[in-house]
Structure formats: C-alpha cells, structure tokens
C-alpha cells in the first residue's frame, strides 16, 4: 500500500515499510532524500535510517 502523509511518501505491507523524507522538506537543502525502513522480525521490529549526509541523519 502507498500513502502520502504530510508530504512524506509512505509504502508498507504487513512485514515491510518505508518512509521517504524529501531532501527539501521544511526548507532543507540536503544532497538526497532520507529513507527510513521498517521490517517485522520474528523477535522484534527492525528500523534502519539511510540519510545522504550526517547532519540529515542527526536531524531525523
């Protein structure tokens, strides 16, 4: 399923999801978009944040 939440692109299934933060959200000027990935695991959920630069990662 795909959705748009407050200008963020969201995609998800029962086991996997992604949330894309645009590189220019809220007036920012990052080199690229940031992607947060959620995965359901047998013991606990997994979350990974991929950002274009360290400052963007810190902001998320």
N, C-alpha and C. Protein backbone atom coordinates (compact mmCIF):
# COMPACT_ATOMS: atom_id res chain seq x y z
N UNK A 1 0.84 -1.17 0.00
CA UNK A 1 0.00 0.00 0.00
C UNK A 1 0.89 1.23 0.00
N UNK A 2 0.44 2.26 -0.68
CA UNK A 2 1.17 3.52 -0.74
C UNK A 2 0.28 4.62 -0.18
N UNK A 3 0.89 5.58 0.50
CA UNK A 3 0.14 6.70 1.04
C UNK A 3 1.03 7.93 1.06
N UNK A 4 0.42 9.08 1.20
CA UNK A 4 1.16 10.33 1.32
C UNK A 4 0.75 10.97 2.64
N UNK A 5 1.68 11.09 3.57
CA UNK A 5 1.38 11.64 4.88
C UNK A 5 2.21 12.90 5.09
N UNK A 6 1.54 14.03 5.15
CA UNK A 6 2.23 15.30 5.39
C UNK A 6 3.43 15.47 4.46
N UNK A 7 3.25 15.23 3.19
CA UNK A 7 4.30 15.35 2.17
C UNK A 7 5.39 14.30 2.27
N UNK A 8 5.16 13.23 3.01
CA UNK A 8 6.11 12.13 3.09
C UNK A 8 5.53 10.94 2.36
N UNK A 9 6.32 10.30 1.55
CA UNK A 9 5.84 9.11 0.85
C UNK A 9 6.00 7.91 1.78
N UNK A 10 4.91 7.17 1.93
CA UNK A 10 4.88 6.01 2.82
C UNK A 10 4.45 4.80 2.00
N UNK A 11 5.19 3.71 2.12
CA UNK A 11 4.83 2.44 1.48
C UNK A 11 4.93 1.36 2.55
N UNK A 12 3.95 0.45 2.58
CA UNK A 12 4.03 -0.59 3.59
C UNK A 12 3.23 -1.82 3.21
N UNK A 13 3.66 -2.93 3.77
CA UNK A 13 2.94 -4.20 3.74
C UNK A 13 2.89 -4.67 5.19
N UNK A 14 2.43 -5.87 5.40
CA UNK A 14 2.37 -6.40 6.76
C UNK A 14 3.76 -6.60 7.37
N UNK A 15 4.79 -6.81 6.54
CA UNK A 15 6.13 -7.13 7.03
C UNK A 15 7.20 -6.10 6.76
N UNK A 16 6.91 -5.11 5.92
CA UNK A 16 7.95 -4.18 5.47
C UNK A 16 7.32 -2.82 5.19
N UNK A 17 8.05 -1.77 5.52
CA UNK A 17 7.56 -0.43 5.23
C UNK A 17 8.70 0.53 5.00
N UNK A 18 8.42 1.59 4.24
CA UNK A 18 9.41 2.65 4.04
C UNK A 18 8.73 4.01 4.18
N UNK A 19 9.50 4.96 4.62
CA UNK A 19 9.06 6.34 4.79
C UNK A 19 10.16 7.21 4.19
N UNK A 20 9.82 7.99 3.17
CA UNK A 20 10.81 8.83 2.48
C UNK A 20 10.68 10.27 2.94
N UNK A 21 11.78 10.84 3.41
CA UNK A 21 11.84 12.25 3.78
C UNK A 21 12.51 12.99 2.63
N UNK A 22 11.77 13.88 1.93
CA UNK A 22 12.34 14.60 0.79
C UNK A 22 13.54 15.45 1.20
N UNK A 23 14.49 15.56 0.29
CA UNK A 23 15.71 16.32 0.57
C UNK A 23 15.45 17.79 0.84
N UNK A 24 14.30 18.30 0.40
CA UNK A 24 13.98 19.72 0.60
C UNK A 24 12.82 19.95 1.57
N UNK A 25 12.52 18.95 2.42
CA UNK A 25 11.43 19.09 3.38
C UNK A 25 11.71 20.21 4.37
N UNK A 26 10.69 20.97 4.68
CA UNK A 26 10.78 22.07 5.65
C UNK A 26 11.89 23.06 5.34
N UNK A 27 12.13 23.29 4.07
CA UNK A 27 13.12 24.27 3.66
C UNK A 27 14.56 23.78 3.67
N UNK A 28 14.76 22.49 3.91
CA UNK A 28 16.12 21.94 3.93
C UNK A 28 16.69 21.87 2.51
N UNK A 29 17.98 21.63 2.42
CA UNK A 29 18.65 21.50 1.13
C UNK A 29 19.70 20.39 1.21
N UNK A 30 19.24 19.17 1.56
CA UNK A 30 20.16 18.03 1.65
C UNK A 30 20.50 17.52 0.27
N UNK A 31 21.64 16.84 0.11
CA UNK A 31 22.02 16.30 -1.20
C UNK A 31 21.04 15.25 -1.75
N UNK A 32 20.35 14.53 -0.86
CA UNK A 32 19.42 13.49 -1.32
C UNK A 32 18.34 13.24 -0.28
N UNK A 33 17.35 12.45 -0.66
CA UNK A 33 16.28 12.07 0.25
C UNK A 33 16.81 11.14 1.34
N UNK A 34 16.11 11.09 2.46
CA UNK A 34 16.40 10.11 3.51
C UNK A 34 15.33 9.04 3.46
N UNK A 35 15.69 7.82 3.77
CA UNK A 35 14.76 6.71 3.73
C UNK A 35 14.81 5.96 5.06
N UNK A 36 13.65 5.80 5.67
CA UNK A 36 13.54 5.01 6.89
C UNK A 36 12.84 3.71 6.50
N UNK A 37 13.45 2.59 6.87
CA UNK A 37 12.92 1.27 6.52
C UNK A 37 12.55 0.53 7.80
N UNK A 38 11.36 -0.04 7.79
CA UNK A 38 10.84 -0.82 8.92
C UNK A 38 10.64 -2.26 8.45
N UNK A 39 11.16 -3.22 9.20
CA UNK A 39 10.97 -4.63 8.88
C UNK A 39 10.51 -5.37 10.12
N UNK A 40 9.46 -6.17 9.94
CA UNK A 40 8.96 -7.00 11.04
C UNK A 40 9.84 -8.24 11.13
N UNK A 41 10.34 -8.51 12.30
CA UNK A 41 11.17 -9.70 12.50
C UNK A 41 10.49 -10.64 13.48
N UNK A 42 10.98 -11.85 13.57
CA UNK A 42 10.34 -12.82 14.46
C UNK A 42 10.46 -12.44 15.95
N UNK A 43 11.53 -11.75 16.31
CA UNK A 43 11.74 -11.38 17.71
C UNK A 43 11.41 -9.93 18.02
N UNK A 44 11.69 -9.06 17.05
CA UNK A 44 11.46 -7.63 17.25
C UNK A 44 11.50 -6.92 15.90
N UNK A 45 10.91 -5.72 15.83
CA UNK A 45 10.95 -4.98 14.57
C UNK A 45 12.34 -4.39 14.33
N UNK A 46 12.68 -4.24 13.07
CA UNK A 46 13.94 -3.61 12.70
C UNK A 46 13.67 -2.26 12.06
N UNK A 47 14.52 -1.29 12.36
CA UNK A 47 14.40 0.05 11.79
C UNK A 47 15.78 0.48 11.31
N UNK A 48 15.85 0.98 10.09
CA UNK A 48 17.11 1.47 9.53
C UNK A 48 16.86 2.85 8.93
N UNK A 49 17.78 3.79 9.14
CA UNK A 49 17.69 5.12 8.55
C UNK A 49 18.87 5.31 7.61
N UNK A 50 18.57 5.60 6.36
CA UNK A 50 19.60 5.91 5.36
C UNK A 50 19.45 7.38 4.99
N UNK A 51 20.50 8.16 5.27
CA UNK A 51 20.49 9.59 5.00
C UNK A 51 21.62 9.93 4.05
N UNK A 52 21.49 11.07 3.37
CA UNK A 52 22.50 11.46 2.39
C UNK A 52 23.76 12.02 3.04
N UNK A 53 23.64 12.61 4.23
CA UNK A 53 24.79 13.15 4.97
C UNK A 53 24.51 13.04 6.47
N UNK A 54 25.55 13.15 7.28
CA UNK A 54 25.43 13.01 8.72
C UNK A 54 24.46 13.98 9.38
N UNK A 55 24.46 15.22 8.94
CA UNK A 55 23.54 16.20 9.53
C UNK A 55 22.08 15.84 9.31
N UNK A 56 21.79 15.29 8.17
CA UNK A 56 20.42 14.85 7.89
C UNK A 56 20.04 13.70 8.81
N UNK A 57 20.96 12.78 9.00
CA UNK A 57 20.73 11.64 9.90
C UNK A 57 20.48 12.13 11.32
N UNK A 58 21.28 13.05 11.79
CA UNK A 58 21.11 13.61 13.14
C UNK A 58 19.76 14.30 13.28
N UNK A 59 19.31 14.97 12.23
CA UNK A 59 18.02 15.66 12.26
C UNK A 59 16.84 14.72 12.34
N UNK A 60 17.03 13.51 11.83
CA UNK A 60 15.94 12.53 11.88
C UNK A 60 15.95 11.79 13.18
